[in-house]
Amino acid sequence: MWNRVFRALADPQRRALLKRLRAGPLPVAALAEGLEISPSTLSHHLKLLREADLVRCEKRATQRIYALNSSVLEDLATALLDRGSGTP
């Protein structure tokens, strides 16, 4: 699981997408605004973020709405802190 999370977080464009979602759920069009990224590349990035369980996607009518899954980030922070303190 963590390998997918780290892979997803390694890319600056995916981190930018996650940063945009901190304010709340957004449709794909709003996520893409201001990013110089093709629709296929955006789709690829969102797929990797979904596979890492960092975002959730909900279909509403003709739109796909993405939301941050903060529980995975919280679990990651806990795991890193536990690792740093010597706790297994």
PDB file of N, CA and C in Angstrom:
ATOM      1  N   MET A   1       0.826  -1.201   0.000  1.00  0.00           N
ATOM      2  CA  MET A   1       0.000   0.000   0.000  1.00  0.00           C
ATOM      3  C   MET A   1       0.871   1.266   0.000  1.00  0.00           C
ATOM      4  N   TRP A   2       1.874   1.284   0.893  1.00  0.00           N
ATOM      5  CA  TRP A   2       2.680   2.499   1.018  1.00  0.00           C
ATOM      6  C   TRP A   2       3.461   2.785  -0.252  1.00  0.00           C
ATOM      7  N   ASN A   3       3.858   1.743  -0.990  1.00  0.00           N
ATOM      8  CA  ASN A   3       4.581   1.979  -2.242  1.00  0.00           C
ATOM      9  C   ASN A   3       3.740   2.809  -3.206  1.00  0.00           C
ATOM     10  N   ARG A   4       2.445   2.491  -3.295  1.00  0.00           N
ATOM     11  CA  ARG A   4       1.559   3.265  -4.171  1.00  0.00           C
ATOM     12  C   ARG A   4       1.417   4.701  -3.690  1.00  0.00           C
ATOM     13  N   VAL A   5       1.333   4.859  -2.382  1.00  0.00           N
ATOM     14  CA  VAL A   5       1.200   6.208  -1.815  1.00  0.00           C
ATOM     15  C   VAL A   5       2.450   7.030  -2.124  1.00  0.00           C
ATOM     16  N   PHE A   6       3.623   6.463  -1.863  1.00  0.00           N
ATOM     17  CA  PHE A   6       4.862   7.188  -2.121  1.00  0.00           C
ATOM     18  C   PHE A   6       5.033   7.480  -3.611  1.00  0.00           C
ATOM     19  N   ARG A   7       4.667   6.516  -4.453  1.00  0.00           N
ATOM     20  CA  ARG A   7       4.760   6.747  -5.901  1.00  0.00           C
ATOM     21  C   ARG A   7       3.849   7.911  -6.311  1.00  0.00           C
ATOM     22  N   ALA A   8       2.643   7.922  -5.763  1.00  0.00           N
ATOM     23  CA  ALA A   8       1.695   8.989  -6.097  1.00  0.00           C
ATOM     24  C   ALA A   8       2.197  10.344  -5.611  1.00  0.00           C
ATOM     25  N   LEU A   9       2.779  10.370  -4.430  1.00  0.00           N
ATOM     26  CA  LEU A   9       3.252  11.633  -3.855  1.00  0.00           C
ATOM     27  C   LEU A   9       4.549  12.124  -4.485  1.00  0.00           C
ATOM     28  N   ALA A  10       5.249  11.269  -5.206  1.00  0.00           N
ATOM     29  CA  ALA A  10       6.546  11.631  -5.780  1.00  0.00           C
ATOM     30  C   ALA A  10       6.440  12.649  -6.913  1.00  0.00           C
ATOM     31  N   ASP A  11       5.281  12.732  -7.540  1.00  0.00           N
ATOM     32  CA  ASP A  11       5.140  13.614  -8.702  1.00  0.00           C
ATOM     33  C   ASP A  11       4.598  14.984  -8.285  1.00  0.00           C
ATOM     34  N   PRO A  12       5.259  16.065  -8.713  1.00  0.00           N
ATOM     35  CA  PRO A  12       4.805  17.405  -8.321  1.00  0.00           C
ATOM     36  C   PRO A  12       3.414  17.764  -8.841  1.00  0.00           C
ATOM     37  N   GLN A  13       3.028  17.255 -10.013  1.00  0.00           N
ATOM     38  CA  GLN A  13       1.687  17.558 -10.516  1.00  0.00           C
ATOM     39  C   GLN A  13       0.619  16.868  -9.658  1.00  0.00           C
ATOM     40  N   ARG A  14       0.893  15.659  -9.202  1.00  0.00           N
ATOM     41  CA  ARG A  14      -0.073  14.977  -8.339  1.00  0.00           C
ATOM     42  C   ARG A  14      -0.154  15.675  -6.989  1.00  0.00           C
ATOM     43  N   ARG A  15       0.984  16.152  -6.480  1.00  0.00           N
ATOM     44  CA  ARG A  15       0.940  16.905  -5.222  1.00  0.00           C
ATOM     45  C   ARG A  15       0.141  18.192  -5.393  1.00  0.00           C
ATOM     46  N   ALA A  16       0.254  18.827  -6.566  1.00  0.00           N
ATOM     47  CA  ALA A  16      -0.525  20.048  -6.832  1.00  0.00           C
ATOM     48  C   ALA A  16      -2.020  19.735  -6.837  1.00  0.00           C
ATOM     49  N   LEU A  17      -2.389  18.592  -7.403  1.00  0.00           N
ATOM     50  CA  LEU A  17      -3.801  18.193  -7.403  1.00  0.00           C
ATOM     51  C   LEU A  17      -4.296  17.966  -5.980  1.00  0.00           C
ATOM     52  N   LEU A  18      -3.490  17.290  -5.169  1.00  0.00           N
ATOM     53  CA  LEU A  18      -3.874  17.050  -3.775  1.00  0.00           C
ATOM     54  C   LEU A  18      -4.015  18.366  -3.015  1.00  0.00           C
ATOM     55  N   LYS A  19      -3.108  19.294  -3.295  1.00  0.00           N
ATOM     56  CA  LYS A  19      -3.159  20.600  -2.623  1.00  0.00           C
ATOM     57  C   LYS A  19      -4.460  21.326  -2.953  1.00  0.00           C
ATOM     58  N   ARG A  20      -4.894  21.239  -4.203  1.00  0.00           N
ATOM     59  CA  ARG A  20      -6.157  21.880  -4.605  1.00  0.00           C
ATOM     60  C   ARG A  20      -7.353  21.259  -3.879  1.00  0.00           C
ATOM     61  N   LEU A  21      -7.260  19.976  -3.598  1.00  0.00           N
ATOM     62  CA  LEU A  21      -8.378  19.280  -2.955  1.00  0.00           C
ATOM     63  C   LEU A  21      -8.444  19.516  -1.446  1.00  0.00           C
ATOM     64  N   ARG A  22      -7.426  20.143  -0.885  1.00  0.00           N
ATOM     65  CA  ARG A  22      -7.457  20.424   0.559  1.00  0.00           C
ATOM     66  C   ARG A  22      -8.627  21.328   0.927  1.00  0.00           C
ATOM     67  N   ALA A  23      -9.012  22.199   0.024  1.00  0.00           N
ATOM     68  CA  ALA A  23     -10.111  23.135   0.304  1.00  0.00           C
ATOM     69  C   ALA A  23     -11.475  22.466   0.194  1.00  0.00           C
ATOM     70  N   GLY A  24     -11.528  21.286  -0.416  1.00  0.00           N
ATOM     71  CA  GLY A  24     -12.799  20.583  -0.555  1.00  0.00           C
ATOM     72  C   GLY A  24     -12.917  19.907  -1.908  1.00  0.00           C
ATOM     73  N   PRO A  25     -13.966  19.125  -2.088  1.00  0.00           N
ATOM     74  CA  PRO A  25     -14.170  18.382  -3.339  1.00  0.00           C
ATOM     75  C   PRO A  25     -14.285  19.313  -4.540  1.00  0.00           C
ATOM     76  N   LEU A  26     -13.763  18.832  -5.681  1.00  0.00           N
ATOM     77  CA  LEU A  26     -13.801  19.614  -6.919  1.00  0.00           C
ATOM     78  C   LEU A  26     -14.085  18.712  -8.113  1.00  0.00           C
ATOM     79  N   PRO A  27     -14.789  19.253  -9.107  1.00  0.00           N
ATOM     80  CA  PRO A  27     -14.949  18.504 -10.361  1.00  0.00           C
ATOM     81  C   PRO A  27     -13.633  18.517 -11.138  1.00  0.00           C
ATOM     82  N   VAL A  28     -13.488  17.577 -12.048  1.00  0.00           N
ATOM     83  CA  VAL A  28     -12.264  17.442 -12.828  1.00  0.00           C
ATOM     84  C   VAL A  28     -11.895  18.750 -13.524  1.00  0.00           C
ATOM     85  N   ALA A  29     -12.875  19.437 -14.095  1.00  0.00           N
ATOM     86  CA  ALA A  29     -12.591  20.683 -14.817  1.00  0.00           C
ATOM     87  C   ALA A  29     -11.928  21.713 -13.901  1.00  0.00           C
ATOM     88  N   ALA A  30     -12.398  21.815 -12.674  1.00  0.00           N
ATOM     89  CA  ALA A  30     -11.817  22.766 -11.724  1.00  0.00           C
ATOM     90  C   ALA A  30     -10.408  22.338 -11.309  1.00  0.00           C
ATOM     91  N   LEU A  31     -10.194  21.031 -11.188  1.00  0.00           N
ATOM     92  CA  LEU A  31      -8.858  20.533 -10.854  1.00  0.00           C
ATOM     93  C   LEU A  31      -7.854  20.888 -11.946  1.00  0.00           C
ATOM     94  N   ALA A  32      -8.298  20.839 -13.185  1.00  0.00           N
ATOM     95  CA  ALA A  32      -7.406  21.065 -14.329  1.00  0.00           C
ATOM     96  C   ALA A  32      -7.106  22.544 -14.573  1.00  0.00           C
ATOM     97  N   GLU A  33      -7.921  23.439 -14.043  1.00  0.00           N
ATOM     98  CA  GLU A  33      -7.744  24.873 -14.298  1.00  0.00           C
ATOM     99  C   GLU A  33      -6.353  25.340 -13.911  1.00  0.00           C
ATOM    100  N   GLY A  34      -5.708  26.010 -14.847  1.00  0.00           N
ATOM    101  CA  GLY A  34      -4.399  26.593 -14.583  1.00  0.00           C
ATOM    102  C   GLY A  34      -3.229  25.629 -14.698  1.00  0.00           C
ATOM    103  N   LEU A  35      -3.526  24.350 -14.842  1.00  0.00           N
ATOM    104  CA  LEU A  35      -2.444  23.383 -15.013  1.00  0.00           C
ATOM    105  C   LEU A  35      -2.225  23.161 -16.500  1.00  0.00           C
ATOM    106  N   GLU A  36      -0.998  23.200 -16.904  1.00  0.00           N
ATOM    107  CA  GLU A  36      -0.687  22.933 -18.308  1.00  0.00           C
ATOM    108  C   GLU A  36      -0.481  21.428 -18.443  1.00  0.00           C
ATOM    109  N   ILE A  37      -1.603  20.737 -18.573  1.00  0.00           N
ATOM    110  CA  ILE A  37      -1.596  19.289 -18.553  1.00  0.00           C
ATOM    111  C   ILE A  37      -2.702  18.789 -19.487  1.00  0.00           C
ATOM    112  N   SER A  38      -2.409  17.797 -20.268  1.00  0.00           N
ATOM    113  CA  SER A  38      -3.405  17.270 -21.202  1.00  0.00           C
ATOM    114  C   SER A  38      -4.460  16.467 -20.437  1.00  0.00           C
ATOM    115  N   PRO A  39      -5.645  16.326 -21.020  1.00  0.00           N
ATOM    116  CA  PRO A  39      -6.688  15.529 -20.363  1.00  0.00           C
ATOM    117  C   PRO A  39      -6.243  14.089 -20.083  1.00  0.00           C
ATOM    118  N   SER A  40      -5.479  13.492 -20.996  1.00  0.00           N
ATOM    119  CA  SER A  40      -5.038  12.116 -20.767  1.00  0.00           C
ATOM    120  C   SER A  40      -4.025  12.035 -19.628  1.00  0.00           C
ATOM    121  N   THR A  41      -3.156  13.036 -19.524  1.00  0.00           N
ATOM    122  CA  THR A  41      -2.194  13.059 -18.423  1.00  0.00           C
ATOM    123  C   THR A  41      -2.902  13.288 -17.099  1.00  0.00           C
ATOM    124  N   LEU A  42      -3.882  14.179 -17.085  1.00  0.00           N
ATOM    125  CA  LEU A  42      -4.672  14.414 -15.880  1.00  0.00           C
ATOM    126  C   LEU A  42      -5.377  13.131 -15.461  1.00  0.00           C
ATOM    127  N   SER A  43      -5.961  12.450 -16.415  1.00  0.00           N
ATOM    128  CA  SER A  43      -6.641  11.184 -16.126  1.00  0.00           C
ATOM    129  C   SER A  43      -5.673  10.175 -15.511  1.00  0.00           C
ATOM    130  N   HIS A  44      -4.468  10.101 -16.061  1.00  0.00           N
ATOM    131  CA  HIS A  44      -3.451   9.184 -15.529  1.00  0.00           C
ATOM    132  C   HIS A  44      -3.099   9.538 -14.083  1.00  0.00           C
ATOM    133  N   HIS A  45      -2.876  10.826 -13.819  1.00  0.00           N
ATOM    134  CA  HIS A  45      -2.536  11.264 -12.459  1.00  0.00           C
ATOM    135  C   HIS A  45      -3.674  10.944 -11.484  1.00  0.00           C
ATOM    136  N   LEU A  46      -4.894  11.209 -11.894  1.00  0.00           N
ATOM    137  CA  LEU A  46      -6.031  10.930 -11.012  1.00  0.00           C
ATOM    138  C   LEU A  46      -6.183   9.427 -10.766  1.00  0.00           C
ATOM    139  N   LYS A  47      -5.900   8.629 -11.768  1.00  0.00           N
ATOM    140  CA  LYS A  47      -5.954   7.171 -11.607  1.00  0.00           C
ATOM    141  C   LYS A  47      -4.939   6.719 -10.561  1.00  0.00           C
ATOM    142  N   LEU A  48      -3.717   7.227 -10.634  1.00  0.00           N
ATOM    143  CA  LEU A  48      -2.700   6.845  -9.655  1.00  0.00           C
ATOM    144  C   LEU A  48      -3.065   7.317  -8.250  1.00  0.00           C
ATOM    145  N   LEU A  49      -3.664   8.494  -8.139  1.00  0.00           N
ATOM    146  CA  LEU A  49      -4.104   8.990  -6.832  1.00  0.00           C
ATOM    147  C   LEU A  49      -5.236   8.130  -6.275  1.00  0.00           C
ATOM    148  N   ARG A  50      -6.130   7.685  -7.140  1.00  0.00           N
ATOM    149  CA  ARG A  50      -7.223   6.781  -6.701  1.00  0.00           C
ATOM    150  C   ARG A  50      -6.650   5.436  -6.267  1.00  0.00           C
ATOM    151  N   GLU A  51      -5.728   4.883  -7.050  1.00  0.00           N
ATOM    152  CA  GLU A  51      -5.136   3.592  -6.722  1.00  0.00           C
ATOM    153  C   GLU A  51      -4.376   3.633  -5.396  1.00  0.00           C
ATOM    154  N   ALA A  52      -3.810   4.785  -5.075  1.00  0.00           N
ATOM    155  CA  ALA A  52      -3.116   4.960  -3.801  1.00  0.00           C
ATOM    156  C   ALA A  52      -4.099   5.291  -2.684  1.00  0.00           C
ATOM    157  N   ASP A  53      -5.366   5.414  -3.015  1.00  0.00           N
ATOM    158  CA  ASP A  53      -6.449   5.738  -2.081  1.00  0.00           C
ATOM    159  C   ASP A  53      -6.275   7.133  -1.468  1.00  0.00           C
ATOM    160  N   LEU A  54      -5.583   8.005  -2.183  1.00  0.00           N
ATOM    161  CA  LEU A  54      -5.398   9.375  -1.706  1.00  0.00           C
ATOM    162  C   LEU A  54      -6.578  10.267  -2.048  1.00  0.00           C
ATOM    163  N   VAL A  55      -7.336   9.883  -3.071  1.00  0.00           N
ATOM    164  CA  VAL A  55      -8.539  10.630  -3.438  1.00  0.00           C
ATOM    165  C   VAL A  55      -9.693   9.656  -3.654  1.00  0.00           C
ATOM    166  N   ARG A  56     -10.868  10.195  -3.537  1.00  0.00           N
ATOM    167  CA  ARG A  56     -12.096   9.448  -3.827  1.00  0.00           C
ATOM    168  C   ARG A  56     -12.817  10.177  -4.959  1.00  0.00           C
ATOM    169  N   CYS A  57     -13.508   9.404  -5.776  1.00  0.00           N
ATOM    170  CA  CYS A  57     -14.223   9.966  -6.910  1.00  0.00           C
ATOM    171  C   CYS A  57     -15.690   9.592  -6.810  1.00  0.00           C
ATOM    172  N   GLU A  58     -16.535  10.589  -7.028  1.00  0.00           N
ATOM    173  CA  GLU A  58     -17.985  10.371  -7.016  1.00  0.00           C
ATOM    174  C   GLU A  58     -18.557  10.929  -8.318  1.00  0.00           C
ATOM    175  N   LYS A  59     -19.387  10.147  -8.958  1.00  0.00           N
ATOM    176  CA  LYS A  59     -20.008  10.616 -10.189  1.00  0.00           C
ATOM    177  C   LYS A  59     -21.326  11.297  -9.835  1.00  0.00           C
ATOM    178  N   ARG A  60     -21.464  12.556 -10.282  1.00  0.00           N
ATOM    179  CA  ARG A  60     -22.705  13.324 -10.084  1.00  0.00           C
ATOM    180  C   ARG A  60     -23.150  13.803 -11.456  1.00  0.00           C
ATOM    181  N   ALA A  61     -24.244  13.243 -11.915  1.00  0.00           N
ATOM    182  CA  ALA A  61     -24.758  13.541 -13.256  1.00  0.00           C
ATOM    183  C   ALA A  61     -23.654  13.275 -14.277  1.00  0.00           C
ATOM    184  N   THR A  62     -23.187  14.314 -14.960  1.00  0.00           N
ATOM    185  CA  THR A  62     -22.153  14.121 -15.984  1.00  0.00           C
ATOM    186  C   THR A  62     -20.752  14.469 -15.475  1.00  0.00           C
ATOM    187  N   GLN A  63     -20.641  14.830 -14.202  1.00  0.00           N
ATOM    188  CA  GLN A  63     -19.352  15.244 -13.651  1.00  0.00           C
ATOM    189  C   GLN A  63     -18.779  14.176 -12.727  1.00  0.00           C
ATOM    190  N   ARG A  64     -17.474  14.180 -12.648  1.00  0.00           N
ATOM    191  CA  ARG A  64     -16.783  13.370 -11.648  1.00  0.00           C
ATOM    192  C   ARG A  64     -16.199  14.347 -10.639  1.00  0.00           C
ATOM    193  N   ILE A  65     -16.565  14.139  -9.383  1.00  0.00           N
ATOM    194  CA  ILE A  65     -16.129  15.011  -8.304  1.00  0.00           C
ATOM    195  C   ILE A  65     -15.066  14.266  -7.490  1.00  0.00           C
ATOM    196  N   TYR A  66     -13.927  14.917  -7.321  1.00  0.00           N
ATOM    197  CA  TYR A  66     -12.833  14.318  -6.563  1.00  0.00           C
ATOM    198  C   TYR A  66     -12.731  14.971  -5.194  1.00  0.00           C
ATOM    199  N   ALA A  67     -12.403  14.136  -4.199  1.00  0.00           N
ATOM    200  CA  ALA A  67     -12.231  14.614  -2.828  1.00  0.00           C
ATOM    201  C   ALA A  67     -10.984  13.957  -2.241  1.00  0.00           C
ATOM    202  N   LEU A  68     -10.321  14.674  -1.380  1.00  0.00           N
ATOM    203  CA  LEU A  68      -9.140  14.179  -0.698  1.00  0.00           C
ATOM    204  C   LEU A  68      -9.542  13.120   0.315  1.00  0.00           C
ATOM    205  N   ASN A  69      -8.812  12.029   0.363  1.00  0.00           N
ATOM    206  CA  ASN A  69      -9.013  11.000   1.381  1.00  0.00           C
ATOM    207  C   ASN A  69      -7.937  11.218   2.435  1.00  0.00           C
ATOM    208  N   SER A  70      -8.224  12.076   3.375  1.00  0.00           N
ATOM    209  CA  SER A  70      -7.211  12.475   4.349  1.00  0.00           C
ATOM    210  C   SER A  70      -6.835  11.355   5.310  1.00  0.00           C
ATOM    211  N   SER A  71      -7.667  10.335   5.444  1.00  0.00           N
ATOM    212  CA  SER A  71      -7.343   9.255   6.378  1.00  0.00           C
ATOM    213  C   SER A  71      -6.066   8.528   5.972  1.00  0.00           C
ATOM    214  N   VAL A  72      -5.815   8.387   4.669  1.00  0.00           N
ATOM    215  CA  VAL A  72      -4.591   7.730   4.217  1.00  0.00           C
ATOM    216  C   VAL A  72      -3.382   8.590   4.573  1.00  0.00           C
ATOM    217  N   LEU A  73      -3.499   9.890   4.407  1.00  0.00           N
ATOM    218  CA  LEU A  73      -2.397  10.789   4.765  1.00  0.00           C
ATOM    219  C   LEU A  73      -2.158  10.789   6.274  1.00  0.00           C
ATOM    220  N   GLU A  74      -3.225  10.710   7.045  1.00  0.00           N
ATOM    221  CA  GLU A  74      -3.085  10.630   8.497  1.00  0.00           C
ATOM    222  C   GLU A  74      -2.405   9.323   8.890  1.00  0.00           C
ATOM    223  N   ASP A  75      -2.794   8.213   8.256  1.00  0.00           N
ATOM    224  CA  ASP A  75      -2.160   6.921   8.527  1.00  0.00           C
ATOM    225  C   ASP A  75      -0.679   6.963   8.172  1.00  0.00           C
ATOM    226  N   LEU A  76      -0.352   7.607   7.061  1.00  0.00           N
ATOM    227  CA  LEU A  76       1.046   7.730   6.636  1.00  0.00           C
ATOM    228  C   LEU A  76       1.839   8.528   7.664  1.00  0.00           C
ATOM    229  N   ALA A  77       1.283   9.641   8.105  1.00  0.00           N
ATOM    230  CA  ALA A  77       1.973  10.470   9.100  1.00  0.00           C
ATOM    231  C   ALA A  77       2.201   9.676  10.387  1.00  0.00           C
ATOM    232  N   THR A  78       1.215   8.930  10.809  1.00  0.00           N
ATOM    233  CA  THR A  78       1.350   8.102  12.016  1.00  0.00           C
ATOM    234  C   THR A  78       2.431   7.051  11.830  1.00  0.00           C
ATOM    235  N   ALA A  79       2.432   6.380  10.681  1.00  0.00           N
ATOM    236  CA  ALA A  79       3.440   5.346  10.403  1.00  0.00           C
ATOM    237  C   ALA A  79       4.847   5.951  10.403  1.00  0.00           C
ATOM    238  N   LEU A  80       4.989   7.122   9.795  1.00  0.00           N
ATOM    239  CA  LEU A  80       6.308   7.768   9.759  1.00  0.00           C
ATOM    240  C   LEU A  80       6.762   8.201  11.145  1.00  0.00           C
ATOM    241  N   LEU A  81       5.842   8.725  11.937  1.00  0.00           N
ATOM    242  CA  LEU A  81       6.182   9.132  13.285  1.00  0.00           C
ATOM    243  C   LEU A  81       6.527   7.938  14.153  1.00  0.00           C
ATOM    244  N   ASP A  82       5.778   6.843  14.003  1.00  0.00           N
ATOM    245  CA  ASP A  82       6.068   5.626  14.756  1.00  0.00           C
ATOM    246  C   ASP A  82       7.434   5.071  14.378  1.00  0.00           C
ATOM    247  N   ARG A  83       7.728   5.120  13.093  1.00  0.00           N
ATOM    248  CA  ARG A  83       9.016   4.613  12.605  1.00  0.00           C
ATOM    249  C   ARG A  83      10.161   5.441  13.151  1.00  0.00           C
ATOM    250  N   GLY A  84       9.960   6.730  13.194  1.00  0.00           N
ATOM    251  CA  GLY A  84      11.002   7.631  13.698  1.00  0.00           C
ATOM    252  C   GLY A  84      11.233   7.511  15.197  1.00  0.00           C
ATOM    253  N   SER A  85      10.224   7.055  15.929  1.00  0.00           N
ATOM    254  CA  SER A  85      10.374   6.945  17.385  1.00  0.00           C
ATOM    255  C   SER A  85      10.881   5.582  17.830  1.00  0.00           C
ATOM    256  N   GLY A  86      11.097   4.683  16.848  1.00  0.00           N
ATOM    257  CA  GLY A  86      11.580   3.360  17.185  1.00  0.00           C
ATOM    258  C   GLY A  86      10.475   2.375  17.525  1.00  0.00           C
ATOM    259  N   THR A  87       9.212   2.820  17.448  1.00  0.00           N
ATOM    260  CA  THR A  87       8.079   1.938  17.710  1.00  0.00           C
ATOM    261  C   THR A  87       7.792   1.140  16.458  1.00  0.00           C
ATOM    262  N   PRO A  88       7.598  -0.177  16.576  1.00  0.00           N
ATOM    263  CA  PRO A  88       7.324  -0.974  15.369  1.00  0.00           C
ATOM    264  C   PRO A  88       6.021  -0.642  14.721  1.00  0.00           C
TER     265      PRO A  88
END
